[in-house]
Amino acid sequence: MDLLKILRSFEEFLFEAVSWLLFYPLTLWRIVRGPLAAMDYSDREQGDSEAHRYDDALSPPLFLLATIVLANLLAMALHIPPPPESSELTKTLFASQQNLILFRSLAFSLVPLVAAVTLLRHEKKRISRETLRAPFYAQCYLAAVCAACVSVGGAIFQRPEVPNALGAAIMLGGAAWFLFVQSHWFARRLNVSTAKGTGIAVWAAVRAVIYLFAIVIPIAVI
């Protein structure tokens, strides 16, 4: 009986792992083709039953995690050297890929978290796990694409045979795309002008970067 349960668990794991090969590119195409529509899709899925939620796509947090895993694999394939280990905590983080993926996932999750909190505050809604979940999930789709651009651009910077301008173009292009979509998302959700939505989006992004540095700097020195 126990062996049967193990086999069924393995069957579910194998199916889920293989399905990622299909649903990851489909989800990426959905986001690139229509980012606001993808975010609307995420909002609608929150009202579905847990068994059928995100049945035809990767859920936003899983999509963000998968993107960071792929970025780490790309860095390994390109033999990108780790940064200098200036502290014991930095050594721990870069001691294994699991630690590094977990840290980068948490770091990039700051972007959707700050944006979701910003939306709730402007809507004058109480911040709770229930109210935070939908905007956070929707924002994870944008954060994943932004993380991919930052990771690929950063990897190019560390390859001497590739022009740094290409890496800079990818990173700046990803950031511009992110802020463009974010501005329209805030403008539509809050029913304000695009200019005001842009201001809210930029300020949210700046705060996310500040919080990220507030975490990274102590890690580099402790």
Protein backbone atom coordinates (compact mmCIF):
# COMPACT_ATOMS: atom_id res chain seq x y z
CA MET A 1 0.00 0.00 0.00
CA ASP A 2 2.82 2.37 0.90
CA LEU A 3 4.59 1.50 -2.35
CA LEU A 4 1.42 2.33 -4.29
CA LYS A 5 1.21 5.73 -2.61
CA ILE A 6 4.86 6.41 -3.45
CA LEU A 7 4.29 5.45 -7.09
CA ARG A 8 1.23 7.70 -7.31
CA SER A 9 3.16 10.57 -5.76
CA PHE A 10 5.95 10.05 -8.26
CA GLU A 11 3.39 9.94 -11.05
CA GLU A 12 1.95 13.30 -9.98
CA PHE A 13 5.42 14.81 -9.57
CA LEU A 14 6.53 13.58 -13.00
CA PHE A 15 3.41 14.91 -14.71
CA GLU A 16 3.69 18.28 -12.96
CA ALA A 17 7.40 18.62 -13.76
CA VAL A 18 6.93 17.72 -17.44
CA SER A 19 3.89 19.98 -17.78
CA TRP A 20 6.14 22.92 -16.86
CA LEU A 21 7.95 22.40 -20.17
CA LEU A 22 4.68 23.22 -21.92
CA PHE A 23 3.08 25.76 -19.63
CA TYR A 24 6.18 27.87 -18.95
CA PRO A 25 6.60 29.08 -22.56
CA LEU A 26 2.83 29.38 -22.95
CA THR A 27 2.64 31.55 -19.83
CA LEU A 28 5.62 33.62 -20.96
CA TRP A 29 3.99 34.20 -24.37
CA ARG A 30 0.73 35.20 -22.68
CA ILE A 31 2.54 37.79 -20.57
CA VAL A 32 4.63 39.22 -23.42
CA ARG A 33 1.67 39.32 -25.81
CA GLY A 34 -0.71 40.98 -23.34
CA PRO A 35 0.71 41.71 -19.88
CA LEU A 36 -2.41 43.47 -18.59
CA ALA A 37 -4.60 40.65 -19.89
CA ALA A 38 -2.32 38.14 -18.14
CA MET A 39 -2.71 40.08 -14.88
CA ASP A 40 -6.49 40.11 -15.35
CA TYR A 41 -6.33 36.36 -15.90
CA SER A 42 -4.48 35.98 -12.60
CA ASP A 43 -7.14 38.02 -10.80
CA ARG A 44 -9.92 35.85 -12.24
CA GLU A 45 -8.15 32.65 -11.26
CA GLN A 46 -8.12 33.75 -7.63
CA GLY A 47 -11.89 33.28 -7.58
CA ASP A 48 -11.67 29.74 -8.96
CA SER A 49 -11.50 26.60 -6.86
CA GLU A 50 -8.02 25.60 -5.72
CA ALA A 51 -8.08 22.41 -7.79
CA HIS A 52 -8.73 24.29 -11.05
CA ARG A 53 -6.79 27.48 -10.32
CA TYR A 54 -4.21 28.31 -13.03
CA ASP A 55 -5.15 25.11 -14.84
CA ASP A 56 -3.88 26.35 -18.22
CA ALA A 57 -0.81 28.29 -17.05
CA LEU A 58 1.84 28.39 -14.36
CA SER A 59 0.76 30.24 -11.25
CA PRO A 60 2.55 33.60 -10.92
CA PRO A 61 4.81 32.70 -7.96
CA LEU A 62 5.78 29.42 -9.63
CA PHE A 63 6.45 31.28 -12.87
CA LEU A 64 8.71 33.72 -11.02
CA LEU A 65 10.52 30.86 -9.30
CA ALA A 66 10.96 28.95 -12.57
CA THR A 67 12.35 32.07 -14.25
CA ILE A 68 14.94 32.54 -11.52
CA VAL A 69 15.91 28.85 -11.71
CA LEU A 70 16.39 29.19 -15.48
CA ALA A 71 18.44 32.36 -14.97
CA ASN A 72 20.69 30.49 -12.53
CA LEU A 73 21.09 27.63 -15.01
CA LEU A 74 22.05 30.16 -17.70
CA ALA A 75 24.67 31.69 -15.39
CA MET A 76 26.09 28.23 -14.73
CA ALA A 77 26.16 27.40 -18.44
CA LEU A 78 28.01 30.65 -19.19
CA HIS A 79 30.41 30.03 -16.28
CA ILE A 80 29.55 33.32 -14.63
CA PRO A 81 31.78 33.67 -11.54
CA PRO A 82 30.08 34.43 -8.21
CA PRO A 83 30.74 37.82 -6.61
CA PRO A 84 33.57 38.15 -4.09
CA GLU A 85 32.64 36.52 -0.79
CA SER A 86 33.03 39.48 1.52
CA SER A 87 31.17 38.02 4.51
CA GLU A 88 30.19 34.74 6.11
CA LEU A 89 26.56 35.25 5.12
CA THR A 90 27.55 35.82 1.50
CA LYS A 91 29.55 32.58 1.56
CA THR A 92 26.49 30.77 2.88
CA LEU A 93 24.25 32.20 0.17
CA PHE A 94 26.59 31.22 -2.66
CA ALA A 95 27.51 27.87 -1.12
CA SER A 96 24.67 26.16 -2.98
CA GLN A 97 22.33 26.88 -5.85
CA GLN A 98 19.36 26.22 -3.57
CA ASN A 99 20.37 29.03 -1.21
CA LEU A 100 21.01 31.39 -4.11
CA ILE A 101 17.69 30.63 -5.81
CA LEU A 102 15.80 31.11 -2.56
CA PHE A 103 17.49 34.45 -1.88
CA ARG A 104 16.93 35.75 -5.42
CA SER A 105 13.32 34.63 -5.32
CA LEU A 106 12.74 36.54 -2.10
CA ALA A 107 14.62 39.58 -3.46
CA PHE A 108 12.62 39.78 -6.70
CA SER A 109 9.40 39.15 -4.75
CA LEU A 110 9.89 42.54 -3.11
CA VAL A 111 8.82 44.20 -6.36
CA PRO A 112 5.33 42.63 -6.53
CA LEU A 113 4.95 42.95 -2.76
CA VAL A 114 5.59 46.70 -2.73
CA ALA A 115 3.36 47.23 -5.77
CA ALA A 116 0.52 45.23 -4.22
CA VAL A 117 0.77 47.11 -0.93
CA THR A 118 0.87 50.42 -2.84
CA LEU A 119 -2.34 49.50 -4.67
CA LEU A 120 -4.17 48.56 -1.47
CA ARG A 121 -3.13 51.78 0.24
CA HIS A 122 -4.39 53.90 -2.64
CA GLU A 123 -7.62 51.90 -2.63
CA LYS A 124 -7.81 52.47 1.14
CA LYS A 125 -8.24 48.75 1.74
CA ARG A 126 -7.08 46.90 4.82
CA ILE A 127 -3.80 45.08 4.18
CA SER A 128 -4.25 41.40 4.93
CA ARG A 129 -3.21 38.11 3.37
CA GLU A 130 -6.60 37.88 1.68
CA THR A 131 -6.53 41.35 0.10
CA LEU A 132 -2.82 41.17 -0.72
CA ARG A 133 -2.87 37.83 -2.52
CA ALA A 134 -4.56 38.82 -5.83
CA PRO A 135 -2.45 41.92 -6.64
CA PHE A 136 0.72 40.19 -5.47
CA TYR A 137 0.08 37.20 -7.72
CA ALA A 138 -0.69 39.43 -10.70
CA GLN A 139 2.49 41.41 -10.10
CA CYS A 140 4.60 38.24 -10.01
CA TYR A 141 3.99 37.83 -13.75
CA LEU A 142 5.58 41.23 -14.40
CA ALA A 143 8.38 40.67 -11.89
CA ALA A 144 9.34 37.41 -13.60
CA VAL A 145 9.93 39.08 -16.97
CA CYS A 146 11.82 41.89 -15.25
CA ALA A 147 13.95 39.33 -13.37
CA ALA A 148 14.73 37.54 -16.64
CA CYS A 149 15.91 40.77 -18.30
CA VAL A 150 18.03 41.77 -15.31
CA SER A 151 19.58 38.30 -15.05
CA VAL A 152 20.35 37.96 -18.76
CA GLY A 153 21.69 41.50 -18.96
CA GLY A 154 23.84 40.96 -15.87
CA ALA A 155 25.22 37.73 -17.30
CA ILE A 156 26.18 39.50 -20.53
CA PHE A 157 28.04 42.16 -18.53
CA GLN A 158 30.30 39.43 -17.14
CA ARG A 159 31.16 37.97 -20.54
CA PRO A 160 34.09 39.95 -22.01
CA GLU A 161 33.48 38.70 -25.56
CA VAL A 162 29.96 40.21 -25.64
CA PRO A 163 29.50 44.01 -25.82
CA ASN A 164 28.32 45.49 -22.53
CA ALA A 165 25.94 47.69 -24.50
CA LEU A 166 23.87 44.61 -25.30
CA GLY A 167 23.53 43.75 -21.62
CA ALA A 168 22.62 47.33 -20.77
CA ALA A 169 20.03 47.41 -23.56
CA ILE A 170 18.35 44.23 -22.29
CA MET A 171 18.25 45.47 -18.70
CA LEU A 172 17.00 48.95 -19.60
CA GLY A 173 14.50 47.53 -22.07
CA GLY A 174 13.14 45.17 -19.42
CA ALA A 175 12.89 47.97 -16.87
CA ALA A 176 11.16 50.28 -19.36
CA TRP A 177 8.67 47.56 -20.31
CA PHE A 178 7.98 46.85 -16.65
CA LEU A 179 7.34 50.51 -15.78
CA PHE A 180 5.20 51.01 -18.89
CA VAL A 181 2.91 48.12 -18.01
CA GLN A 182 2.96 48.97 -14.32
CA SER A 183 1.92 52.56 -15.03
CA HIS A 184 -1.08 51.46 -17.07
CA TRP A 185 -2.00 48.85 -14.45
CA PHE A 186 -2.06 51.43 -11.64
CA ALA A 187 -3.91 53.94 -13.83
CA ARG A 188 -6.60 51.42 -14.68
CA ARG A 189 -6.98 49.90 -11.23
CA LEU A 190 -7.12 53.27 -9.47
CA ASN A 191 -9.05 55.05 -12.25
CA VAL A 192 -6.47 57.83 -12.53
CA SER A 193 -4.56 59.37 -15.42
CA THR A 194 -1.65 57.56 -17.01
CA ALA A 195 0.69 60.31 -15.77
CA LYS A 196 -0.39 59.75 -12.17
CA GLY A 197 -0.19 56.00 -12.67
CA THR A 198 3.36 56.45 -13.92
CA GLY A 199 4.28 58.43 -10.83
CA ILE A 200 2.84 55.75 -8.55
CA ALA A 201 4.62 53.00 -10.49
CA VAL A 202 8.00 54.75 -10.42
CA TRP A 203 7.75 55.52 -6.71
CA ALA A 204 6.79 51.91 -5.94
CA ALA A 205 9.77 50.65 -7.98
CA VAL A 206 12.14 53.06 -6.22
CA ARG A 207 10.93 51.89 -2.82
CA ALA A 208 11.37 48.26 -3.84
CA VAL A 209 14.98 48.97 -4.87
CA ILE A 210 15.62 50.79 -1.58
CA TYR A 211 14.25 47.85 0.40
CA LEU A 212 16.36 45.47 -1.67
CA PHE A 213 19.54 47.43 -0.90
CA ALA A 214 18.53 47.55 2.76
CA ILE A 215 18.62 43.73 2.69
CA VAL A 216 21.64 43.19 0.42
CA ILE A 217 24.05 45.65 2.06
CA PRO A 218 23.92 44.06 5.54
CA ILE A 219 24.31 40.60 3.96
CA ALA A 220 27.46 41.81 2.17
CA VAL A 221 29.08 43.04 5.37
CA ILE A 222 27.85 40.67 8.10
